Amino acid sequence: MHSEPEGDERITAIGLFAEAFLGVSARLAGQVAEHGLAPIEFEVLLRLSRSPRGQLRMTDLSAQTSLTTSGVTRVIDRLERDGLVCREACPTDRRSSFAVITAKGRHRMTSVLPGHLALIEEWFTGLLQPDELDALLGALRKIRDAVRPDATAGAGAPARDNALSSGG
């Protein structure tokens, strides 16, 4: 390690990570917008579609995304208005509710995902050898678990651990 900022590998590491993330995110955002969704709306729909029974508690959505609880409420309001999600009361906690992806929401995801996956392959996973991708996934999970320990709240799927590459 160097003591000068310009030669410090920690600065290089975080800079490369940010540049890569922002570059891939910009490419994905354009494709998602073609389907009438904002990136955060797509992320919420994707998280719901990958969750057991297509539902998550609103508080879990907040923990898994960069949104506050009021931000989640606003996104769910928009998605509900478009018929892509609905709310259901939590049977065990009257103060809590679930966001649930609807059939229309699943249909929208079916139309968005092929192009989304093609871009992920072109600009991210396809650039790496299988062993490089495995190592990267392990490293990203380690970092994510340290900085966002509640990020898998409500996911119920450890093999996938509900991680997303679209900003979550």
Protein backbone atom coordinates (compact mmCIF):
# COMPACT_ATOMS: atom_id res chain seq x y z
CA MET A 1 0.00 0.00 0.00
CA HIS A 2 1.09 3.52 -0.72
CA SER A 3 0.61 6.40 1.68
CA GLU A 4 -0.23 8.88 -1.11
CA PRO A 5 -3.89 8.86 -2.20
CA GLU A 6 -3.03 8.58 -5.88
CA GLY A 7 -1.18 5.29 -5.31
CA ASP A 8 -3.42 3.85 -2.59
CA GLU A 9 -4.96 0.56 -3.79
CA ARG A 10 -7.97 1.11 -1.53
CA ILE A 11 -8.85 4.24 -3.49
CA THR A 12 -8.28 2.37 -6.74
CA ALA A 13 -10.48 -0.53 -5.59
CA ILE A 14 -13.44 1.61 -4.57
CA GLY A 15 -13.04 3.80 -7.66
CA LEU A 16 -13.06 0.83 -10.04
CA PHE A 17 -16.02 -0.70 -8.20
CA ALA A 18 -17.98 2.57 -8.47
CA GLU A 19 -17.09 3.11 -12.13
CA ALA A 20 -18.05 -0.45 -13.05
CA PHE A 21 -21.30 -0.32 -11.07
CA LEU A 22 -22.36 3.04 -12.49
CA GLY A 23 -21.49 2.01 -16.03
CA VAL A 24 -23.44 -1.24 -15.90
CA SER A 25 -26.33 0.45 -14.06
CA ALA A 26 -26.64 3.11 -16.76
CA ARG A 27 -26.86 0.46 -19.50
CA LEU A 28 -29.48 -1.50 -17.54
CA ALA A 29 -31.52 1.62 -16.69
CA GLY A 30 -31.96 2.49 -20.35
CA GLN A 31 -33.27 -0.96 -21.17
CA VAL A 32 -35.67 -0.98 -18.21
CA ALA A 33 -36.97 2.48 -19.19
CA GLU A 34 -37.94 1.08 -22.60
CA HIS A 35 -40.52 -0.98 -20.69
CA GLY A 36 -41.94 1.98 -18.78
CA LEU A 37 -40.19 1.30 -15.49
CA ALA A 38 -37.78 3.30 -13.38
CA PRO A 39 -34.76 1.28 -12.17
CA ILE A 40 -36.08 1.20 -8.57
CA GLU A 41 -39.50 -0.01 -9.75
CA PHE A 42 -37.81 -2.79 -11.70
CA GLU A 43 -35.68 -3.67 -8.67
CA VAL A 44 -38.75 -3.94 -6.45
CA LEU A 45 -40.59 -6.10 -9.01
CA LEU A 46 -37.53 -8.30 -9.43
CA ARG A 47 -37.13 -8.76 -5.68
CA LEU A 48 -40.81 -9.64 -5.35
CA SER A 49 -40.69 -12.08 -8.26
CA ARG A 50 -37.68 -13.84 -6.71
CA SER A 51 -39.24 -14.09 -3.25
CA PRO A 52 -41.36 -16.94 -1.90
CA ARG A 53 -45.01 -16.51 -2.97
CA GLY A 54 -43.97 -13.34 -4.82
CA GLN A 55 -44.26 -11.24 -1.71
CA LEU A 56 -42.18 -9.34 0.83
CA ARG A 57 -43.06 -7.28 3.84
CA MET A 58 -42.73 -3.59 3.09
CA THR A 59 -40.08 -3.32 5.83
CA ASP A 60 -38.07 -6.10 4.18
CA LEU A 61 -38.24 -4.28 0.84
CA SER A 62 -36.84 -1.23 2.58
CA ALA A 63 -34.01 -3.29 4.08
CA GLN A 64 -33.19 -4.87 0.72
CA THR A 65 -33.18 -1.65 -1.29
CA SER A 66 -31.78 1.81 -0.91
CA LEU A 67 -35.26 3.10 -0.03
CA THR A 68 -36.60 4.39 3.25
CA THR A 69 -39.91 2.97 4.43
CA SER A 70 -41.71 6.02 3.03
CA GLY A 71 -39.78 5.60 -0.23
CA VAL A 72 -40.95 1.98 -0.48
CA THR A 73 -44.50 3.15 0.13
CA ARG A 74 -44.26 5.65 -2.75
CA VAL A 75 -42.80 3.05 -5.16
CA ILE A 76 -45.44 0.48 -4.18
CA ASP A 77 -48.15 3.14 -4.63
CA ARG A 78 -46.97 3.73 -8.22
CA LEU A 79 -46.67 0.01 -8.99
CA GLU A 80 -50.06 -0.66 -7.43
CA ARG A 81 -51.63 2.15 -9.50
CA ASP A 82 -50.26 0.39 -12.62
CA GLY A 83 -51.63 -2.97 -11.44
CA LEU A 84 -48.16 -4.53 -11.12
CA VAL A 85 -48.34 -5.16 -7.36
CA CYS A 86 -50.97 -5.26 -4.66
CA ARG A 87 -50.84 -4.99 -0.89
CA GLU A 88 -51.94 -7.71 1.49
CA ALA A 89 -52.28 -7.47 5.23
CA CYS A 90 -49.81 -9.49 7.27
CA PRO A 91 -51.80 -12.16 9.12
CA THR A 92 -49.42 -12.18 12.10
CA ASP A 93 -48.79 -8.43 12.48
CA ARG A 94 -51.57 -5.90 11.89
CA ARG A 95 -49.03 -3.08 11.60
CA SER A 96 -47.27 -4.77 8.69
CA SER A 97 -48.30 -5.42 5.11
CA PHE A 98 -46.93 -7.35 2.18
CA ALA A 99 -46.23 -6.11 -1.31
CA VAL A 100 -47.23 -8.87 -3.72
CA ILE A 101 -46.42 -9.05 -7.41
CA THR A 102 -49.54 -9.51 -9.54
CA ALA A 103 -50.01 -11.53 -12.72
CA LYS A 104 -49.66 -8.26 -14.66
CA GLY A 105 -46.40 -7.56 -12.77
CA ARG A 106 -45.07 -11.02 -13.63
CA HIS A 107 -46.03 -10.46 -17.27
CA ARG A 108 -44.13 -7.15 -17.29
CA MET A 109 -41.09 -8.91 -15.82
CA THR A 110 -41.34 -11.57 -18.54
CA SER A 111 -41.12 -8.85 -21.17
CA VAL A 112 -38.23 -6.98 -19.49
CA LEU A 113 -35.99 -9.86 -18.40
CA PRO A 114 -34.69 -11.22 -21.73
CA GLY A 115 -33.14 -7.88 -22.71
CA HIS A 116 -32.01 -7.25 -19.14
CA LEU A 117 -30.25 -10.61 -18.93
CA ALA A 118 -28.65 -10.08 -22.34
CA LEU A 119 -27.16 -6.78 -21.13
CA ILE A 120 -25.95 -8.38 -17.89
CA GLU A 121 -24.27 -11.07 -19.94
CA GLU A 122 -22.76 -8.55 -22.37
CA TRP A 123 -21.50 -6.00 -19.86
CA PHE A 124 -20.91 -8.00 -16.67
CA THR A 125 -21.02 -11.78 -16.25
CA GLY A 126 -20.00 -12.58 -19.82
CA LEU A 127 -16.76 -10.64 -19.39
CA LEU A 128 -15.61 -13.01 -16.63
CA GLN A 129 -14.41 -16.59 -16.62
CA PRO A 130 -16.52 -18.93 -14.43
CA ASP A 131 -13.90 -18.99 -11.65
CA GLU A 132 -13.62 -15.18 -11.76
CA LEU A 133 -17.39 -14.84 -11.48
CA ASP A 134 -17.50 -17.29 -8.54
CA ALA A 135 -14.75 -15.34 -6.75
CA LEU A 136 -16.47 -12.02 -7.45
CA LEU A 137 -19.82 -13.29 -6.18
CA GLY A 138 -18.17 -14.54 -3.00
CA ALA A 139 -16.39 -11.24 -2.45
CA LEU A 140 -19.52 -9.18 -3.13
CA ARG A 141 -21.58 -11.30 -0.70
CA LYS A 142 -18.92 -10.83 1.97
CA ILE A 143 -18.96 -7.05 1.49
CA ARG A 144 -22.76 -6.87 1.23
CA ASP A 145 -23.22 -8.91 4.41
CA ALA A 146 -20.84 -6.60 6.29
CA VAL A 147 -22.34 -3.31 5.14
CA ARG A 148 -26.00 -4.40 4.76
CA PRO A 149 -26.57 -7.30 7.19
CA ASP A 150 -30.34 -7.05 6.77
CA ALA A 151 -30.24 -7.14 2.96
CA THR A 152 -31.61 -10.67 2.74
CA ALA A 153 -34.44 -10.05 5.22
CA GLY A 154 -37.53 -11.94 4.14
CA ALA A 155 -35.79 -13.46 1.13
CA GLY A 156 -36.05 -17.05 2.32
CA ALA A 157 -33.81 -18.24 -0.52
CA PRO A 158 -30.19 -18.64 0.65
CA ALA A 159 -28.96 -20.19 -2.62
CA ARG A 160 -29.91 -17.05 -4.54
CA ASP A 161 -29.83 -14.83 -1.45
CA ASN A 162 -32.02 -12.45 -3.43
CA ALA A 163 -29.05 -10.37 -4.55
CA LEU A 164 -29.58 -8.18 -7.56
CA SER A 165 -27.28 -6.48 -9.95
CA SER A 166 -29.66 -3.68 -10.74
CA GLY A 167 -28.80 -1.44 -7.86
CA GLY A 168 -29.72 -3.40 -4.81
